[in-house]
Protein backbone atom coordinates (compact mmCIF):
# COMPACT_ATOMS: atom_id res chain seq x y z
CA MET A 1 -75.40 -18.09 -0.82
CA ALA A 2 -76.83 -17.96 -4.21
CA VAL A 3 -74.29 -16.76 -7.22
CA GLY A 4 -75.69 -16.32 -10.08
CA ALA A 5 -74.69 -17.82 -13.87
CA GLY A 6 -76.11 -16.90 -17.31
CA ALA A 7 -76.41 -19.64 -20.25
CA ASP A 8 -72.74 -19.32 -21.30
CA ALA A 9 -69.71 -21.62 -20.10
CA GLU A 10 -67.91 -18.45 -19.20
CA SER A 11 -70.65 -17.40 -16.97
CA ALA A 12 -70.83 -20.43 -15.49
CA LEU A 13 -67.21 -20.83 -14.39
CA LEU A 14 -66.60 -17.61 -13.19
CA ALA A 15 -69.81 -18.46 -10.99
CA HIS A 16 -67.88 -21.38 -9.87
CA LEU A 17 -64.67 -19.23 -9.54
CA TYR A 18 -66.93 -16.85 -6.53
CA VAL A 19 -68.61 -20.49 -5.22
CA ALA A 20 -65.06 -22.01 -4.75
CA ALA A 21 -63.57 -18.27 -3.18
CA LEU A 22 -66.44 -17.84 -0.90
CA GLY A 23 -66.03 -21.69 0.32
CA TYR A 24 -62.11 -20.49 0.68
CA TYR A 25 -62.85 -18.56 3.46
CA GLY A 26 -65.80 -20.86 4.99
CA SER A 27 -69.17 -19.35 3.35
CA THR A 28 -71.77 -22.07 1.82
CA ALA A 29 -72.27 -21.07 -1.86
CA HIS A 30 -73.90 -22.71 -4.82
CA VAL A 31 -74.25 -21.79 -8.54
CA LYS A 32 -77.76 -21.10 -9.65
CA ALA A 33 -78.31 -20.75 -13.20
CA VAL A 34 -80.60 -17.73 -14.40
CA PRO A 35 -81.50 -16.27 -17.35
CA ASP A 36 -80.44 -12.45 -16.10
CA PRO A 37 -78.23 -12.77 -13.18
CA LEU A 38 -78.01 -9.43 -12.60
CA GLY A 39 -81.70 -9.05 -12.96
CA ALA A 40 -81.90 -12.22 -10.47
CA LEU A 41 -79.35 -10.22 -8.69
CA ASP A 42 -81.67 -6.78 -8.71
CA SER A 43 -84.90 -8.82 -7.61
CA GLY A 44 -82.74 -10.61 -4.71
CA ASP A 45 -83.18 -14.07 -6.76
CA VAL A 46 -79.17 -14.05 -6.06
CA ASP A 47 -76.85 -12.58 -4.06
CA VAL A 48 -73.71 -12.22 -5.81
CA VAL A 49 -73.14 -12.25 -9.45
CA PRO A 50 -69.95 -11.65 -11.57
CA ALA A 51 -70.55 -9.16 -14.48
CA PHE A 52 -67.91 -7.85 -16.96
CA THR A 53 -67.56 -3.97 -15.89
CA GLY A 54 -67.69 -2.84 -20.04
CA GLN A 55 -71.08 -5.06 -20.12
CA ALA A 56 -72.74 -3.78 -16.92
CA LEU A 57 -71.98 -0.19 -17.65
CA ARG A 58 -74.03 -0.41 -21.19
CA ARG A 59 -77.15 -1.64 -19.50
CA PHE A 60 -77.16 0.68 -17.03
CA ALA A 61 -75.62 3.79 -18.27
CA PRO A 62 -75.46 2.88 -22.23
CA ASP A 63 -74.74 6.39 -23.50
CA ALA A 64 -71.44 6.36 -20.97
CA PRO A 65 -68.31 7.44 -22.98
CA ALA A 66 -65.78 5.53 -20.39
CA ARG A 67 -63.10 2.88 -22.32
CA SER A 68 -60.19 2.43 -20.23
CA ALA A 69 -60.47 -0.17 -17.08
CA ALA A 70 -60.53 2.06 -14.54
CA GLN A 71 -63.07 4.82 -15.60
CA VAL A 72 -65.14 2.15 -17.25
CA TYR A 73 -65.67 0.54 -13.12
CA ARG A 74 -65.98 3.99 -11.90
CA ALA A 75 -68.68 4.61 -14.01
CA MET A 76 -70.48 1.18 -13.72
CA VAL A 77 -70.30 1.53 -9.98
CA GLY A 78 -72.17 5.15 -10.26
CA SER A 79 -74.40 3.56 -12.56
CA LEU A 80 -75.97 1.02 -10.34
CA PRO A 81 -79.33 1.17 -9.01
CA GLU A 82 -80.40 1.49 -5.63
CA GLY A 83 -79.25 -1.29 -3.41
CA LEU A 84 -76.73 -2.66 -5.36
CA GLY A 85 -72.89 -2.17 -5.26
CA ALA A 86 -69.28 -3.77 -6.61
CA GLY A 87 -66.43 -5.29 -5.08
CA ASP A 88 -63.02 -4.84 -6.54
CA TYR A 89 -62.25 -5.46 -10.00
CA THR A 90 -60.09 -7.75 -11.59
CA GLU A 91 -57.15 -5.41 -13.16
CA SER A 92 -55.45 -8.27 -14.72
CA ALA A 93 -58.24 -9.95 -15.59
CA SER A 94 -60.15 -8.81 -19.26
CA ASP A 95 -62.16 -10.71 -21.67
CA LYS A 96 -62.65 -7.59 -23.61
CA PRO A 97 -63.46 -7.61 -27.38
CA THR A 98 -59.65 -7.57 -29.64
CA VAL A 99 -58.77 -8.16 -33.06
CA ALA A 100 -56.83 -11.17 -34.78
CA VAL A 101 -55.52 -10.63 -38.17
CA THR A 102 -52.79 -12.78 -40.06
CA GLY A 103 -48.80 -12.19 -39.53
CA ARG A 104 -48.76 -10.98 -42.80
CA THR A 105 -51.60 -8.86 -42.42
CA ALA A 106 -49.80 -7.52 -39.34
CA ALA A 107 -46.18 -7.12 -41.26
CA ASP A 108 -48.10 -5.30 -43.98
CA TRP A 109 -50.18 -2.75 -42.37
CA GLY A 110 -47.41 -1.98 -39.57
CA ALA A 111 -49.81 -3.19 -37.50
CA THR A 112 -49.75 -4.80 -33.25
CA ASP A 113 -51.83 -2.18 -32.34
CA VAL A 114 -55.45 -1.44 -33.00
CA LEU A 115 -54.88 2.21 -33.72
CA ALA A 116 -53.30 1.16 -36.54
CA LEU A 117 -56.61 -0.04 -37.82
CA VAL A 118 -58.09 3.57 -37.87
CA GLY A 119 -55.96 5.01 -40.69
CA ARG A 120 -56.84 1.83 -42.74
CA CYS A 121 -61.07 2.19 -42.24
CA ALA A 122 -62.07 1.79 -45.47
CA GLU A 123 -60.19 -1.74 -46.20
CA LEU A 124 -61.35 -3.14 -43.08
CA LYS A 125 -63.52 -6.37 -43.80
CA PRO A 126 -64.21 -7.97 -40.24
CA GLY A 127 -65.71 -11.24 -39.03
CA ALA A 128 -66.96 -12.42 -36.02
CA VAL A 129 -68.75 -15.76 -34.40
CA ARG A 130 -72.27 -15.37 -34.86
CA GLY A 131 -74.22 -13.38 -31.79
CA THR A 132 -71.00 -11.69 -30.90
CA ASP A 133 -71.18 -8.04 -29.15
CA VAL A 134 -68.62 -6.06 -31.03
CA PRO A 135 -67.73 -2.51 -31.39
CA ALA A 136 -69.06 -0.45 -33.72
CA ALA A 137 -66.43 2.11 -33.95
CA LEU A 138 -62.75 2.18 -33.61
CA GLY A 139 -62.07 5.58 -32.59
CA ALA A 140 -63.07 7.68 -35.84
CA CYS A 141 -63.82 4.91 -37.87
CA THR A 142 -66.89 3.44 -38.29
CA LEU A 143 -66.89 -0.53 -39.00
CA PRO A 144 -68.57 -2.26 -40.77
CA ALA A 145 -70.95 -4.64 -39.64
CA PRO A 146 -68.71 -7.94 -39.32
CA ARG A 147 -69.39 -10.96 -41.36
CA GLU A 148 -71.04 -14.00 -39.44
CA PHE A 149 -69.77 -17.34 -38.99
CA ALA A 150 -70.87 -20.36 -37.40
CA ASP A 151 -67.91 -20.70 -34.97
CA ALA A 152 -64.46 -19.74 -33.75
CA ALA A 153 -62.97 -22.60 -36.46
CA ALA A 154 -64.96 -21.02 -39.64
CA LEU A 155 -64.07 -17.75 -38.59
CA GLN A 156 -60.23 -17.97 -38.59
CA ALA A 157 -60.35 -20.26 -41.67
CA ALA A 158 -62.26 -17.32 -43.16
CA LEU A 159 -59.61 -14.63 -42.06
CA ARG A 160 -56.72 -16.88 -43.30
CA GLY A 161 -58.14 -17.27 -46.47
CA GLY A 162 -58.69 -13.81 -47.34
CA ARG A 163 -62.57 -13.52 -46.80
CA ILE A 164 -62.05 -11.42 -44.07
CA ASN A 165 -58.91 -9.26 -42.90
CA LEU A 166 -59.67 -9.05 -39.18
CA ALA A 167 -61.47 -11.57 -36.85
CA TRP A 168 -63.33 -10.53 -33.29
CA THR A 169 -62.19 -12.34 -30.53
CA THR A 170 -61.74 -11.72 -27.37
CA ALA A 171 -58.95 -11.79 -24.65
CA ALA A 172 -59.37 -14.69 -23.25
CA ALA A 173 -60.67 -16.66 -25.71
CA PRO A 174 -59.23 -20.23 -25.16
CA ASP A 175 -57.18 -21.92 -27.64
CA GLN A 176 -55.99 -18.47 -29.50
CA PRO A 177 -53.97 -19.89 -32.97
CA ALA A 178 -50.08 -19.15 -32.63
CA ASP A 179 -50.80 -17.93 -36.29
CA LEU A 180 -52.93 -15.21 -35.71
CA SER A 181 -51.63 -12.06 -34.30
CA VAL A 182 -53.61 -10.50 -31.53
CA LEU A 183 -53.10 -6.71 -31.34
CA SER A 184 -53.32 -4.85 -28.55
CA ASP A 185 -55.44 -1.96 -27.25
CA ARG A 186 -52.93 0.47 -25.43
CA THR A 187 -55.06 3.74 -25.99
CA ALA A 188 -58.25 2.00 -25.20
CA LEU A 189 -60.46 2.23 -28.45
CA ILE A 190 -62.14 -0.90 -27.15
CA ARG A 191 -63.85 -0.73 -23.84
CA ALA A 192 -63.05 -2.41 -21.30
CA GLU A 193 -64.81 -5.87 -19.82
CA ASN A 194 -62.85 -6.93 -16.53
CA ILE A 195 -64.61 -8.91 -13.89
CA VAL A 196 -66.26 -7.73 -10.83
CA PRO A 197 -68.90 -9.33 -8.26
CA VAL A 198 -71.86 -7.21 -8.17
CA PHE A 199 -74.01 -8.04 -5.26
CA ARG A 200 -76.63 -6.58 -2.89
CA ARG A 201 -75.94 -4.18 -0.42
CA ASN A 202 -75.51 -5.26 3.07
CA GLY A 203 -75.98 -8.71 1.59
CA LEU A 204 -72.44 -10.02 1.78
CA THR A 205 -70.36 -10.55 5.36
CA GLN A 206 -67.16 -8.64 5.37
CA THR A 207 -65.26 -12.05 5.47
CA GLN A 208 -67.67 -12.54 2.32
CA GLN A 209 -66.85 -9.19 0.24
CA ARG A 210 -63.00 -10.66 1.10
CA SER A 211 -63.61 -13.43 -0.90
CA VAL A 212 -64.52 -12.43 -3.74
CA ASN A 213 -62.76 -9.13 -3.95
CA GLU A 214 -59.07 -10.99 -2.81
CA LEU A 215 -60.20 -13.69 -5.97
CA ALA A 216 -60.02 -10.09 -7.75
CA GLY A 217 -56.41 -9.92 -7.10
CA VAL A 218 -54.84 -13.40 -8.69
CA LEU A 219 -57.31 -13.80 -11.57
CA ASP A 220 -55.39 -13.11 -14.57
CA THR A 221 -56.52 -13.46 -18.67
CA ASP A 222 -54.14 -16.41 -19.08
CA ALA A 223 -55.38 -17.98 -16.09
CA LEU A 224 -59.14 -17.44 -17.61
CA ALA A 225 -57.94 -18.67 -21.22
CA GLN A 226 -56.61 -21.75 -19.74
CA MET A 227 -59.85 -22.31 -17.51
CA ARG A 228 -62.32 -21.61 -20.60
CA ALA A 229 -60.31 -24.38 -22.76
CA GLU A 230 -60.56 -26.90 -20.22
CA VAL A 231 -64.35 -26.04 -19.75
CA ALA A 232 -64.70 -26.43 -23.62
CA ALA A 233 -62.70 -29.60 -23.69
CA GLY A 234 -65.08 -31.34 -21.52
CA GLY A 235 -64.14 -30.26 -17.84
CA GLU A 236 -66.96 -29.80 -15.56
CA PRO A 237 -66.95 -25.87 -14.48
CA GLY A 238 -66.94 -26.17 -10.58
CA ALA A 239 -63.94 -28.78 -10.76
CA VAL A 240 -61.84 -26.49 -13.18
CA ALA A 241 -62.54 -24.07 -11.09
CA GLY A 242 -61.52 -25.62 -7.64
CA ALA A 243 -58.44 -27.03 -9.28
CA TRP A 244 -57.37 -23.63 -9.93
CA LEU A 245 -58.08 -22.14 -6.90
CA GLY A 246 -56.43 -24.88 -5.27
CA THR A 247 -53.16 -24.09 -6.51
CA HIS A 248 -53.67 -20.12 -6.37
CA PRO A 249 -54.81 -19.86 -2.79
CA LEU A 250 -56.13 -16.68 -1.50
CA GLY A 251 -54.55 -14.50 1.33
CA HIS A 252 -51.19 -15.13 -0.25
């Protein structure tokens, strides 16, 4: 069984988690790197793909308005091309875009949630790592295009230095600095991005579906961030995924 993975490290890590989960119940699987995992799934080049709910929804139904985790999942399932299906999504594991501000900005603005930014729309100076896909709006606030930086360290330095006053990151970004405040999103102004297995209909046995569905029940955001940090520090994705599943067995 081939599990599709894209070029980025997070996609490879998630694919290796699926391989480990499938192997837990006796299925032989391997990671297959492809430029477009969902496209490869549709063409039959791979059998299952770890996808993000919001990204998949934007691909298959770009005008869909859903933002909360459950709404996005339902809309995504309904938008899948004929022949594709989806398993359970990770209710406790998210990697949606999030906003980081300095502690001083959070205190000055009284901001613990992104909702507080909507009333300060004209003051916002966002930044992001180059190539990152970030929201164009927060509720009624249309955001300016973010200033782009080469990497997370440069982005965070610009935030601390006042060149920007909010930095786009993600919920499971590795090694979030303790001196920066990541704002919550209790009203789902930002579209959910939960992990979901997408597969060819009738392409997985019941046991294989159980494997990837049970992974959704044990994976959480903190664990994903920790594994991403281990991979960023040089860990091999398959070894990192296997070690984590070894201490978080399925079916318990």
